[in-house]
């Protein structure tokens, strides 16, 4: 998981907050010997603030719509995902990335 990047939402933005979209890059490296279904990992749960307010997905003409597919052994895939997060809340962001199976524990990243 990369540190968040704040970009202008633009004219056609959906879900932008304060005119901005906060981007996260989710990168998955398959170091195993079996293929991994990356689909669920492309849809992280993002919360912010003391009460864990859930951030809404955000996109524009340049951000959004990406996903991960089957990740073969030794392969790396990345996807950029956007969310609407108030600037003042960026220090309190929590990102949960699901594993390849719904029964897996999520990887949790905090700012």
PDB file of N, CA and C in Angstrom:
ATOM      1  N   UNK A   1       0.860  -1.165   0.000  1.00  0.00           N
ATOM      2  CA  UNK A   1       0.000   0.000   0.000  1.00  0.00           C
ATOM      3  C   UNK A   1       0.904   1.226   0.000  1.00  0.00           C
ATOM      4  N   UNK A   2       0.629   2.117  -0.929  1.00  0.00           N
ATOM      5  CA  UNK A   2       1.399   3.353  -0.997  1.00  0.00           C
ATOM      6  C   UNK A   2       0.764   4.408  -0.105  1.00  0.00           C
ATOM      7  N   UNK A   3       1.531   5.437   0.282  1.00  0.00           N
ATOM      8  CA  UNK A   3       0.911   6.545   1.013  1.00  0.00           C
ATOM      9  C   UNK A   3      -0.153   7.192   0.128  1.00  0.00           C
ATOM     10  N   UNK A   4      -1.176   7.787   0.736  1.00  0.00           N
ATOM     11  CA  UNK A   4      -2.232   8.388  -0.077  1.00  0.00           C
ATOM     12  C   UNK A   4      -1.728   9.573  -0.887  1.00  0.00           C
ATOM     13  N   UNK A   5      -2.341   9.747  -2.038  1.00  0.00           N
ATOM     14  CA  UNK A   5      -2.035  10.876  -2.925  1.00  0.00           C
ATOM     15  C   UNK A   5      -3.339  11.632  -3.148  1.00  0.00           C
ATOM     16  N   UNK A   6      -3.335  12.934  -2.893  1.00  0.00           N
ATOM     17  CA  UNK A   6      -4.533  13.745  -3.070  1.00  0.00           C
ATOM     18  C   UNK A   6      -4.453  14.437  -4.431  1.00  0.00           C
ATOM     19  N   UNK A   7      -5.506  14.240  -5.250  1.00  0.00           N
ATOM     20  CA  UNK A   7      -5.540  14.832  -6.589  1.00  0.00           C
ATOM     21  C   UNK A   7      -6.849  15.608  -6.745  1.00  0.00           C
ATOM     22  N   UNK A   8      -6.844  16.637  -7.593  1.00  0.00           N
ATOM     23  CA  UNK A   8      -8.090  17.367  -7.838  1.00  0.00           C
ATOM     24  C   UNK A   8      -9.138  16.449  -8.459  1.00  0.00           C
ATOM     25  N   UNK A   9     -10.376  16.603  -8.009  1.00  0.00           N
ATOM     26  CA  UNK A   9     -11.448  15.760  -8.523  1.00  0.00           C
ATOM     27  C   UNK A   9     -11.761  16.036  -9.977  1.00  0.00           C
ATOM     28  N   UNK A  10     -11.756  17.294 -10.352  1.00  0.00           N
ATOM     29  CA  UNK A  10     -12.065  17.644 -11.736  1.00  0.00           C
ATOM     30  C   UNK A  10     -13.552  17.821 -11.958  1.00  0.00           C
ATOM     31  N   UNK A  11     -13.874  18.234 -13.144  1.00  0.00           N
ATOM     32  CA  UNK A  11     -15.243  18.570 -13.523  1.00  0.00           C
ATOM     33  C   UNK A  11     -16.200  17.388 -13.435  1.00  0.00           C
ATOM     34  N   UNK A  12     -15.737  16.200 -13.743  1.00  0.00           N
ATOM     35  CA  UNK A  12     -16.611  15.033 -13.806  1.00  0.00           C
ATOM     36  C   UNK A  12     -16.441  14.092 -12.613  1.00  0.00           C
ATOM     37  N   UNK A  13     -15.928  14.603 -11.510  1.00  0.00           N
ATOM     38  CA  UNK A  13     -15.662  13.766 -10.344  1.00  0.00           C
ATOM     39  C   UNK A  13     -16.944  13.313  -9.669  1.00  0.00           C
ATOM     40  N   UNK A  14     -16.915  12.098  -9.175  1.00  0.00           N
ATOM     41  CA  UNK A  14     -17.997  11.552  -8.372  1.00  0.00           C
ATOM     42  C   UNK A  14     -17.396  11.151  -7.027  1.00  0.00           C
ATOM     43  N   UNK A  15     -17.965  11.634  -5.940  1.00  0.00           N
ATOM     44  CA  UNK A  15     -17.500  11.246  -4.611  1.00  0.00           C
ATOM     45  C   UNK A  15     -16.358  12.069  -4.064  1.00  0.00           C
ATOM     46  N   UNK A  16     -15.894  13.080  -4.802  1.00  0.00           N
ATOM     47  CA  UNK A  16     -14.806  13.922  -4.310  1.00  0.00           C
ATOM     48  C   UNK A  16     -15.279  14.692  -3.074  1.00  0.00           C
ATOM     49  N   UNK A  17     -14.362  14.949  -2.151  1.00  0.00           N
ATOM     50  CA  UNK A  17     -14.649  15.745  -0.961  1.00  0.00           C
ATOM     51  C   UNK A  17     -13.728  16.952  -0.991  1.00  0.00           C
ATOM     52  N   UNK A  18     -14.307  18.130  -0.778  1.00  0.00           N
ATOM     53  CA  UNK A  18     -13.550  19.383  -0.839  1.00  0.00           C
ATOM     54  C   UNK A  18     -12.865  19.535  -2.202  1.00  0.00           C
ATOM     55  N   UNK A  19     -13.485  18.954  -3.228  1.00  0.00           N
ATOM     56  CA  UNK A  19     -12.954  19.049  -4.586  1.00  0.00           C
ATOM     57  C   UNK A  19     -11.795  18.110  -4.878  1.00  0.00           C
ATOM     58  N   UNK A  20     -11.484  17.203  -3.940  1.00  0.00           N
ATOM     59  CA  UNK A  20     -10.327  16.323  -4.106  1.00  0.00           C
ATOM     60  C   UNK A  20     -10.701  14.852  -3.987  1.00  0.00           C
ATOM     61  N   UNK A  21      -9.870  14.018  -4.592  1.00  0.00           N
ATOM     62  CA  UNK A  21      -9.961  12.572  -4.468  1.00  0.00           C
ATOM     63  C   UNK A  21      -8.652  12.094  -3.840  1.00  0.00           C
ATOM     64  N   UNK A  22      -8.775  11.236  -2.830  1.00  0.00           N
ATOM     65  CA  UNK A  22      -7.591  10.649  -2.201  1.00  0.00           C
ATOM     66  C   UNK A  22      -7.359   9.284  -2.833  1.00  0.00           C
ATOM     67  N   UNK A  23      -6.183   9.117  -3.431  1.00  0.00           N
ATOM     68  CA  UNK A  23      -5.838   7.872  -4.132  1.00  0.00           C
ATOM     69  C   UNK A  23      -4.948   6.982  -3.282  1.00  0.00           C
ATOM     70  N   UNK A  24      -5.220   5.701  -3.350  1.00  0.00           N
ATOM     71  CA  UNK A  24      -4.364   4.690  -2.753  1.00  0.00           C
ATOM     72  C   UNK A  24      -3.996   3.714  -3.858  1.00  0.00           C
ATOM     73  N   UNK A  25      -2.748   3.274  -3.868  1.00  0.00           N
ATOM     74  CA  UNK A  25      -2.332   2.249  -4.816  1.00  0.00           C
ATOM     75  C   UNK A  25      -2.201   0.938  -4.055  1.00  0.00           C
ATOM     76  N   UNK A  26      -2.999  -0.044  -4.450  1.00  0.00           N
ATOM     77  CA  UNK A  26      -2.936  -1.374  -3.856  1.00  0.00           C
ATOM     78  C   UNK A  26      -2.073  -2.229  -4.779  1.00  0.00           C
ATOM     79  N   UNK A  27      -0.979  -2.749  -4.242  1.00  0.00           N
ATOM     80  CA  UNK A  27      -0.075  -3.609  -5.011  1.00  0.00           C
ATOM     81  C   UNK A  27      -0.048  -4.983  -4.362  1.00  0.00           C
ATOM     82  N   UNK A  28      -0.271  -6.004  -5.165  1.00  0.00           N
ATOM     83  CA  UNK A  28      -0.269  -7.379  -4.674  1.00  0.00           C
ATOM     84  C   UNK A  28       0.822  -8.150  -5.401  1.00  0.00           C
ATOM     85  N   UNK A  29       1.688  -8.797  -4.610  1.00  0.00           N
ATOM     86  CA  UNK A  29       2.757  -9.639  -5.143  1.00  0.00           C
ATOM     87  C   UNK A  29       2.446 -11.074  -4.751  1.00  0.00           C
ATOM     88  N   UNK A  30       2.339 -11.949  -5.723  1.00  0.00           N
ATOM     89  CA  UNK A  30       2.092 -13.357  -5.440  1.00  0.00           C
ATOM     90  C   UNK A  30       3.429 -14.075  -5.323  1.00  0.00           C
ATOM     91  N   UNK A  31       3.846 -14.323  -4.081  1.00  0.00           N
ATOM     92  CA  UNK A  31       5.103 -15.030  -3.834  1.00  0.00           C
ATOM     93  C   UNK A  31       4.875 -16.520  -3.615  1.00  0.00           C
ATOM     94  N   UNK A  32       3.626 -16.961  -3.797  1.00  0.00           N
ATOM     95  CA  UNK A  32       3.292 -18.367  -3.605  1.00  0.00           C
ATOM     96  C   UNK A  32       3.490 -19.186  -4.859  1.00  0.00           C
ATOM     97  N   UNK A  33       2.956 -20.389  -4.814  1.00  0.00           N
ATOM     98  CA  UNK A  33       3.103 -21.308  -5.953  1.00  0.00           C
ATOM     99  C   UNK A  33       1.784 -21.531  -6.684  1.00  0.00           C
ATOM    100  N   UNK A  34       0.697 -20.946  -6.172  1.00  0.00           N
ATOM    101  CA  UNK A  34      -0.624 -21.099  -6.776  1.00  0.00           C
ATOM    102  C   UNK A  34      -1.145 -19.730  -7.232  1.00  0.00           C
ATOM    103  N   UNK A  35      -1.985 -19.681  -8.257  1.00  0.00           N
ATOM    104  CA  UNK A  35      -2.609 -18.413  -8.648  1.00  0.00           C
ATOM    105  C   UNK A  35      -3.473 -17.861  -7.510  1.00  0.00           C
ATOM    106  N   UNK A  36      -3.581 -16.537  -7.447  1.00  0.00           N
ATOM    107  CA  UNK A  36      -4.372 -15.858  -6.423  1.00  0.00           C
ATOM    108  C   UNK A  36      -5.446 -15.026  -7.116  1.00  0.00           C
ATOM    109  N   UNK A  37      -6.687 -15.120  -6.629  1.00  0.00           N
ATOM    110  CA  UNK A  37      -7.761 -14.284  -7.151  1.00  0.00           C
ATOM    111  C   UNK A  37      -7.643 -12.905  -6.507  1.00  0.00           C
ATOM    112  N   UNK A  38      -7.274 -11.906  -7.286  1.00  0.00           N
ATOM    113  CA  UNK A  38      -7.047 -10.564  -6.758  1.00  0.00           C
ATOM    114  C   UNK A  38      -8.273  -9.679  -6.719  1.00  0.00           C
ATOM    115  N   UNK A  39      -9.419 -10.163  -7.182  1.00  0.00           N
ATOM    116  CA  UNK A  39     -10.605  -9.326  -7.318  1.00  0.00           C
ATOM    117  C   UNK A  39     -10.992  -8.621  -6.018  1.00  0.00           C
ATOM    118  N   UNK A  40     -11.101  -9.357  -4.916  1.00  0.00           N
ATOM    119  CA  UNK A  40     -11.551  -8.746  -3.664  1.00  0.00           C
ATOM    120  C   UNK A  40     -10.555  -7.724  -3.124  1.00  0.00           C
ATOM    121  N   UNK A  41      -9.291  -7.861  -3.456  1.00  0.00           N
ATOM    122  CA  UNK A  41      -8.266  -6.943  -2.939  1.00  0.00           C
ATOM    123  C   UNK A  41      -8.330  -5.573  -3.594  1.00  0.00           C
ATOM    124  N   UNK A  42      -9.031  -5.448  -4.706  1.00  0.00           N
ATOM    125  CA  UNK A  42      -9.139  -4.170  -5.412  1.00  0.00           C
ATOM    126  C   UNK A  42     -10.240  -3.282  -4.833  1.00  0.00           C
ATOM    127  N   UNK A  43     -10.930  -3.774  -3.796  1.00  0.00           N
ATOM    128  CA  UNK A  43     -12.038  -3.021  -3.199  1.00  0.00           C
ATOM    129  C   UNK A  43     -11.845  -2.885  -1.690  1.00  0.00           C
ATOM    130  N   UNK A  44     -10.836  -2.101  -1.282  1.00  0.00           N
ATOM    131  CA  UNK A  44     -10.580  -1.973   0.148  1.00  0.00           C
ATOM    132  C   UNK A  44     -11.686  -1.200   0.868  1.00  0.00           C
ATOM    133  N   UNK A  45     -11.761  -1.397   2.162  1.00  0.00           N
ATOM    134  CA  UNK A  45     -12.662  -0.628   3.030  1.00  0.00           C
ATOM    135  C   UNK A  45     -11.809   0.466   3.651  1.00  0.00           C
ATOM    136  N   UNK A  46     -12.230   1.714   3.496  1.00  0.00           N
ATOM    137  CA  UNK A  46     -11.466   2.853   3.995  1.00  0.00           C
ATOM    138  C   UNK A  46     -12.328   3.623   4.988  1.00  0.00           C
ATOM    139  N   UNK A  47     -11.779   3.855   6.184  1.00  0.00           N
ATOM    140  CA  UNK A  47     -12.458   4.643   7.204  1.00  0.00           C
ATOM    141  C   UNK A  47     -11.521   5.741   7.685  1.00  0.00           C
ATOM    142  N   UNK A  48     -12.113   6.748   8.329  1.00  0.00           N
ATOM    143  CA  UNK A  48     -11.307   7.848   8.859  1.00  0.00           C
ATOM    144  C   UNK A  48     -11.976   8.434  10.094  1.00  0.00           C
ATOM    145  N   UNK A  49     -11.179   9.180  10.857  1.00  0.00           N
ATOM    146  CA  UNK A  49     -11.702   9.876  12.031  1.00  0.00           C
ATOM    147  C   UNK A  49     -11.816   8.979  13.250  1.00  0.00           C
ATOM    148  N   UNK A  50     -12.111   9.625  14.375  1.00  0.00           N
ATOM    149  CA  UNK A  50     -12.194   8.929  15.659  1.00  0.00           C
ATOM    150  C   UNK A  50     -13.316   7.905  15.706  1.00  0.00           C
ATOM    151  N   UNK A  51     -14.380   8.136  14.942  1.00  0.00           N
ATOM    152  CA  UNK A  51     -15.519   7.215  14.965  1.00  0.00           C
ATOM    153  C   UNK A  51     -15.511   6.215  13.810  1.00  0.00           C
ATOM    154  N   UNK A  52     -14.489   6.270  12.968  1.00  0.00           N
ATOM    155  CA  UNK A  52     -14.395   5.310  11.859  1.00  0.00           C
ATOM    156  C   UNK A  52     -15.412   5.530  10.768  1.00  0.00           C
ATOM    157  N   UNK A  53     -15.591   6.786  10.368  1.00  0.00           N
ATOM    158  CA  UNK A  53     -16.514   7.112   9.278  1.00  0.00           C
ATOM    159  C   UNK A  53     -16.054   6.423   7.997  1.00  0.00           C
ATOM    160  N   UNK A  54     -16.958   5.732   7.336  1.00  0.00           N
ATOM    161  CA  UNK A  54     -16.593   5.026   6.106  1.00  0.00           C
ATOM    162  C   UNK A  54     -16.478   6.000   4.938  1.00  0.00           C
ATOM    163  N   UNK A  55     -15.335   5.983   4.266  1.00  0.00           N
ATOM    164  CA  UNK A  55     -15.112   6.839   3.092  1.00  0.00           C
ATOM    165  C   UNK A  55     -15.839   6.248   1.899  1.00  0.00           C
ATOM    166  N   UNK A  56     -16.393   7.105   1.078  1.00  0.00           N
ATOM    167  CA  UNK A  56     -17.079   6.671  -0.132  1.00  0.00           C
ATOM    168  C   UNK A  56     -16.095   6.612  -1.294  1.00  0.00           C
ATOM    169  N   UNK A  57     -16.314   5.660  -2.195  1.00  0.00           N
ATOM    170  CA  UNK A  57     -15.482   5.575  -3.398  1.00  0.00           C
ATOM    171  C   UNK A  57     -15.623   6.865  -4.186  1.00  0.00           C
ATOM    172  N   UNK A  58     -14.558   7.252  -4.841  1.00  0.00           N
ATOM    173  CA  UNK A  58     -14.561   8.464  -5.660  1.00  0.00           C
ATOM    174  C   UNK A  58     -13.832   8.169  -6.961  1.00  0.00           C
ATOM    175  N   UNK A  59     -14.305   8.785  -8.034  1.00  0.00           N
ATOM    176  CA  UNK A  59     -13.622   8.614  -9.318  1.00  0.00           C
ATOM    177  C   UNK A  59     -13.892   9.814 -10.205  1.00  0.00           C
ATOM    178  N   UNK A  60     -13.118   9.884 -11.253  1.00  0.00           N
ATOM    179  CA  UNK A  60     -13.306  10.896 -12.292  1.00  0.00           C
ATOM    180  C   UNK A  60     -12.862  10.285 -13.612  1.00  0.00           C
ATOM    181  N   UNK A  61     -12.619  11.128 -14.595  1.00  0.00           N
ATOM    182  CA  UNK A  61     -12.241  10.596 -15.907  1.00  0.00           C
ATOM    183  C   UNK A  61     -10.877   9.905 -15.912  1.00  0.00           C
ATOM    184  N   UNK A  62     -10.056  10.117 -14.863  1.00  0.00           N
ATOM    185  CA  UNK A  62      -8.721   9.515 -14.798  1.00  0.00           C
ATOM    186  C   UNK A  62      -8.563   8.480 -13.697  1.00  0.00           C
ATOM    187  N   UNK A  63      -9.497   8.429 -12.770  1.00  0.00           N
ATOM    188  CA  UNK A  63      -9.378   7.569 -11.599  1.00  0.00           C
ATOM    189  C   UNK A  63     -10.623   6.714 -11.473  1.00  0.00           C
ATOM    190  N   UNK A  64     -10.444   5.447 -11.170  1.00  0.00           N
ATOM    191  CA  UNK A  64     -11.582   4.569 -10.908  1.00  0.00           C
ATOM    192  C   UNK A  64     -11.768   3.553 -12.012  1.00  0.00           C
ATOM    193  N   UNK A  65     -12.484   2.512 -11.679  1.00  0.00           N
ATOM    194  CA  UNK A  65     -12.793   1.498 -12.676  1.00  0.00           C
ATOM    195  C   UNK A  65     -11.775   0.389 -12.787  1.00  0.00           C
ATOM    196  N   UNK A  66     -10.620   0.532 -12.137  1.00  0.00           N
ATOM    197  CA  UNK A  66      -9.603  -0.507 -12.222  1.00  0.00           C
ATOM    198  C   UNK A  66      -9.903  -1.659 -11.290  1.00  0.00           C
ATOM    199  N   UNK A  67      -9.312  -2.788 -11.553  1.00  0.00           N
ATOM    200  CA  UNK A  67      -9.476  -3.958 -10.700  1.00  0.00           C
ATOM    201  C   UNK A  67      -8.233  -4.839 -10.823  1.00  0.00           C
ATOM    202  N   UNK A  68      -8.193  -5.866 -10.020  1.00  0.00           N
ATOM    203  CA  UNK A  68      -7.131  -6.858 -10.106  1.00  0.00           C
ATOM    204  C   UNK A  68      -7.749  -8.151 -10.619  1.00  0.00           C
ATOM    205  N   UNK A  69      -6.971  -8.934 -11.340  1.00  0.00           N
ATOM    206  CA  UNK A  69      -7.466 -10.203 -11.865  1.00  0.00           C
ATOM    207  C   UNK A  69      -6.705 -11.343 -11.190  1.00  0.00           C
ATOM    208  N   UNK A  70      -6.686 -12.490 -11.808  1.00  0.00           N
ATOM    209  CA  UNK A  70      -5.913 -13.609 -11.272  1.00  0.00           C
ATOM    210  C   UNK A  70      -4.433 -13.259 -11.334  1.00  0.00           C
ATOM    211  N   UNK A  71      -3.760 -13.420 -10.195  1.00  0.00           N
ATOM    212  CA  UNK A  71      -2.338 -13.069 -10.093  1.00  0.00           C
ATOM    213  C   UNK A  71      -1.549 -14.376 -10.054  1.00  0.00           C
ATOM    214  N   UNK A  72      -0.786 -14.600 -11.088  1.00  0.00           N
ATOM    215  CA  UNK A  72      -0.022 -15.841 -11.204  1.00  0.00           C
ATOM    216  C   UNK A  72       1.187 -15.824 -10.277  1.00  0.00           C
ATOM    217  N   UNK A  73       1.738 -17.001  -9.931  1.00  0.00           N
ATOM    218  CA  UNK A  73       2.933 -17.046  -9.086  1.00  0.00           C
ATOM    219  C   UNK A  73       4.056 -16.192  -9.683  1.00  0.00           C
ATOM    220  N   UNK A  74       4.660 -15.371  -8.833  1.00  0.00           N
ATOM    221  CA  UNK A  74       5.739 -14.491  -9.267  1.00  0.00           C
ATOM    222  C   UNK A  74       5.268 -13.200  -9.906  1.00  0.00           C
ATOM    223  N   UNK A  75       3.981 -13.039 -10.083  1.00  0.00           N
ATOM    224  CA  UNK A  75       3.438 -11.850 -10.749  1.00  0.00           C
ATOM    225  C   UNK A  75       3.060 -10.780  -9.723  1.00  0.00           C
ATOM    226  N   UNK A  76       3.099  -9.515 -10.171  1.00  0.00           N
ATOM    227  CA  UNK A  76       2.692  -8.369  -9.374  1.00  0.00           C
ATOM    228  C   UNK A  76       1.639  -7.593 -10.150  1.00  0.00           C
ATOM    229  N   UNK A  77       0.564  -7.186  -9.467  1.00  0.00           N
ATOM    230  CA  UNK A  77      -0.461  -6.332 -10.068  1.00  0.00           C
ATOM    231  C   UNK A  77      -0.751  -5.179  -9.120  1.00  0.00           C
ATOM    232  N   UNK A  78      -1.092  -4.026  -9.697  1.00  0.00           N
ATOM    233  CA  UNK A  78      -1.431  -2.837  -8.916  1.00  0.00           C
ATOM    234  C   UNK A  78      -2.702  -2.210  -9.463  1.00  0.00           C
ATOM    235  N   UNK A  79      -3.429  -1.538  -8.569  1.00  0.00           N
ATOM    236  CA  UNK A  79      -4.616  -0.796  -8.966  1.00  0.00           C
ATOM    237  C   UNK A  79      -4.694   0.459  -8.096  1.00  0.00           C
ATOM    238  N   UNK A  80      -5.104   1.571  -8.703  1.00  0.00           N
ATOM    239  CA  UNK A  80      -5.325   2.810  -7.958  1.00  0.00           C
ATOM    240  C   UNK A  80      -6.803   2.912  -7.652  1.00  0.00           C
ATOM    241  N   UNK A  81      -7.116   3.183  -6.379  1.00  0.00           N
ATOM    242  CA  UNK A  81      -8.493   3.350  -5.955  1.00  0.00           C
ATOM    243  C   UNK A  81      -8.642   4.709  -5.293  1.00  0.00           C
ATOM    244  N   UNK A  82      -9.770   5.371  -5.564  1.00  0.00           N
ATOM    245  CA  UNK A  82      -9.995   6.713  -5.044  1.00  0.00           C
ATOM    246  C   UNK A  82     -11.127   6.749  -4.037  1.00  0.00           C
ATOM    247  N   UNK A  83     -10.979   7.641  -3.043  1.00  0.00           N
ATOM    248  CA  UNK A  83     -11.982   7.822  -2.006  1.00  0.00           C
ATOM    249  C   UNK A  83     -12.119   9.298  -1.682  1.00  0.00           C
ATOM    250  N   UNK A  84     -13.294   9.679  -1.207  1.00  0.00           N
ATOM    251  CA  UNK A  84     -13.534  11.035  -0.746  1.00  0.00           C
ATOM    252  C   UNK A  84     -13.247  11.121   0.745  1.00  0.00           C
ATOM    253  N   UNK A  85     -12.181  11.818   1.101  1.00  0.00           N
ATOM    254  CA  UNK A  85     -11.764  11.941   2.502  1.00  0.00           C
ATOM    255  C   UNK A  85     -11.441  13.407   2.786  1.00  0.00           C
ATOM    256  N   UNK A  86     -12.008  13.994   3.838  1.00  0.00           N
ATOM    257  CA  UNK A  86     -11.658  15.370   4.178  1.00  0.00           C
ATOM    258  C   UNK A  86     -10.152  15.490   4.477  1.00  0.00           C
ATOM    259  N   UNK A  87      -9.533  16.555   3.994  1.00  0.00           N
ATOM    260  CA  UNK A  87      -8.090  16.758   4.174  1.00  0.00           C
ATOM    261  C   UNK A  87      -7.676  16.660   5.644  1.00  0.00           C
ATOM    262  N   UNK A  88      -8.473  17.230   6.522  1.00  0.00           N
ATOM    263  CA  UNK A  88      -8.126  17.255   7.942  1.00  0.00           C
ATOM    264  C   UNK A  88      -8.099  15.851   8.547  1.00  0.00           C
ATOM    265  N   UNK A  89      -8.755  14.892   7.902  1.00  0.00           N
ATOM    266  CA  UNK A  89      -8.824  13.524   8.415  1.00  0.00           C
ATOM    267  C   UNK A  89      -7.736  12.607   7.860  1.00  0.00           C
ATOM    268  N   UNK A  90      -6.901  13.081   6.952  1.00  0.00           N
ATOM    269  CA  UNK A  90      -5.878  12.211   6.348  1.00  0.00           C
ATOM    270  C   UNK A  90      -4.962  11.539   7.373  1.00  0.00           C
ATOM    271  N   UNK A  91      -4.626  12.195   8.493  1.00  0.00           N
ATOM    272  CA  UNK A  91      -3.781  11.493   9.475  1.00  0.00           C
ATOM    273  C   UNK A  91      -4.485  10.345  10.206  1.00  0.00           C
ATOM    274  N   UNK A  92      -5.806  10.220  10.049  1.00  0.00           N
ATOM    275  CA  UNK A  92      -6.538   9.188  10.791  1.00  0.00           C
ATOM    276  C   UNK A  92      -7.190   8.154   9.866  1.00  0.00           C
ATOM    277  N   UNK A  93      -6.586   7.901   8.727  1.00  0.00           N
ATOM    278  CA  UNK A  93      -7.162   6.962   7.752  1.00  0.00           C
ATOM    279  C   UNK A  93      -6.743   5.530   8.083  1.00  0.00           C
ATOM    280  N   UNK A  94      -7.697   4.614   7.909  1.00  0.00           N
ATOM    281  CA  UNK A  94      -7.459   3.174   8.074  1.00  0.00           C
ATOM    282  C   UNK A  94      -7.949   2.487   6.790  1.00  0.00           C
ATOM    283  N   UNK A  95      -7.088   1.662   6.200  1.00  0.00           N
ATOM    284  CA  UNK A  95      -7.425   0.947   4.967  1.00  0.00           C
ATOM    285  C   UNK A  95      -7.348  -0.556   5.245  1.00  0.00           C
ATOM    286  N   UNK A  96      -8.437  -1.256   4.941  1.00  0.00           N
ATOM    287  CA  UNK A  96      -8.480  -2.707   5.107  1.00  0.00           C
ATOM    288  C   UNK A  96      -8.578  -3.349   3.723  1.00  0.00           C
ATOM    289  N   UNK A  97      -7.583  -4.150   3.391  1.00  0.00           N
ATOM    290  CA  UNK A  97      -7.563  -4.846   2.098  1.00  0.00           C
ATOM    291  C   UNK A  97      -7.843  -6.319   2.364  1.00  0.00           C
ATOM    292  N   UNK A  98      -8.940  -6.801   1.787  1.00  0.00           N
ATOM    293  CA  UNK A  98      -9.320  -8.203   1.963  1.00  0.00           C
ATOM    294  C   UNK A  98      -8.303  -9.121   1.297  1.00  0.00           C
ATOM    295  N   UNK A  99      -8.224 -10.329   1.814  1.00  0.00           N
ATOM    296  CA  UNK A  99      -7.376 -11.339   1.200  1.00  0.00           C
ATOM    297  C   UNK A  99      -8.077 -11.940  -0.011  1.00  0.00           C
ATOM    298  N   UNK A 100      -7.447 -12.892  -0.667  1.00  0.00           N
ATOM    299  CA  UNK A 100      -8.036 -13.479  -1.867  1.00  0.00           C
ATOM    300  C   UNK A 100      -9.282 -14.313  -1.586  1.00  0.00           C
ATOM    301  N   UNK A 101      -9.497 -14.706  -0.338  1.00  0.00           N
ATOM    302  CA  UNK A 101     -10.680 -15.477   0.040  1.00  0.00           C
ATOM    303  C   UNK A 101     -11.440 -14.687   1.106  1.00  0.00           C
ATOM    304  N   UNK A 102     -12.751 -14.782   1.088  1.00  0.00           N
ATOM    305  CA  UNK A 102     -13.555 -14.037   2.058  1.00  0.00           C
ATOM    306  C   UNK A 102     -13.280 -14.472   3.497  1.00  0.00           C
ATOM    307  N   UNK A 103     -12.721 -15.647   3.698  1.00  0.00           N
ATOM    308  CA  UNK A 103     -12.419 -16.116   5.047  1.00  0.00           C
ATOM    309  C   UNK A 103     -11.054 -15.625   5.542  1.00  0.00           C
ATOM    310  N   UNK A 104     -10.263 -14.991   4.689  1.00  0.00           N
ATOM    311  CA  UNK A 104      -8.950 -14.473   5.088  1.00  0.00           C
ATOM    312  C   UNK A 104      -9.106 -13.211   5.917  1.00  0.00           C
ATOM    313  N   UNK A 105      -8.180 -12.989   6.829  1.00  0.00           N
ATOM    314  CA  UNK A 105      -8.149 -11.741   7.571  1.00  0.00           C
ATOM    315  C   UNK A 105      -7.645 -10.636   6.650  1.00  0.00           C
ATOM    316  N   UNK A 106      -8.152  -9.411   6.800  1.00  0.00           N
ATOM    317  CA  UNK A 106      -7.677  -8.326   5.946  1.00  0.00           C
ATOM    318  C   UNK A 106      -6.298  -7.837   6.378  1.00  0.00           C
ATOM    319  N   UNK A 107      -5.571  -7.268   5.417  1.00  0.00           N
ATOM    320  CA  UNK A 107      -4.343  -6.528   5.732  1.00  0.00           C
ATOM    321  C   UNK A 107      -4.815  -5.117   6.102  1.00  0.00           C
ATOM    322  N   UNK A 108      -4.319  -4.578   7.208  1.00  0.00           N
ATOM    323  CA  UNK A 108      -4.764  -3.274   7.691  1.00  0.00           C
ATOM    324  C   UNK A 108      -3.598  -2.303   7.664  1.00  0.00           C
ATOM    325  N   UNK A 109      -3.853  -1.145   7.070  1.00  0.00           N
ATOM    326  CA  UNK A 109      -2.862  -0.075   6.967  1.00  0.00           C
ATOM    327  C   UNK A 109      -3.448   1.175   7.625  1.00  0.00           C
ATOM    328  N   UNK A 110      -2.635   1.851   8.435  1.00  0.00           N
ATOM    329  CA  UNK A 110      -3.094   3.082   9.086  1.00  0.00           C
ATOM    330  C   UNK A 110      -2.106   4.199   8.779  1.00  0.00           C
ATOM    331  N   UNK A 111      -2.683   5.413   8.611  1.00  0.00           N
ATOM    332  CA  UNK A 111      -1.794   6.560   8.341  1.00  0.00           C
ATOM    333  C   UNK A 111      -1.289   7.145   9.628  1.00  0.00           C
TER     334      UNK A 111
END
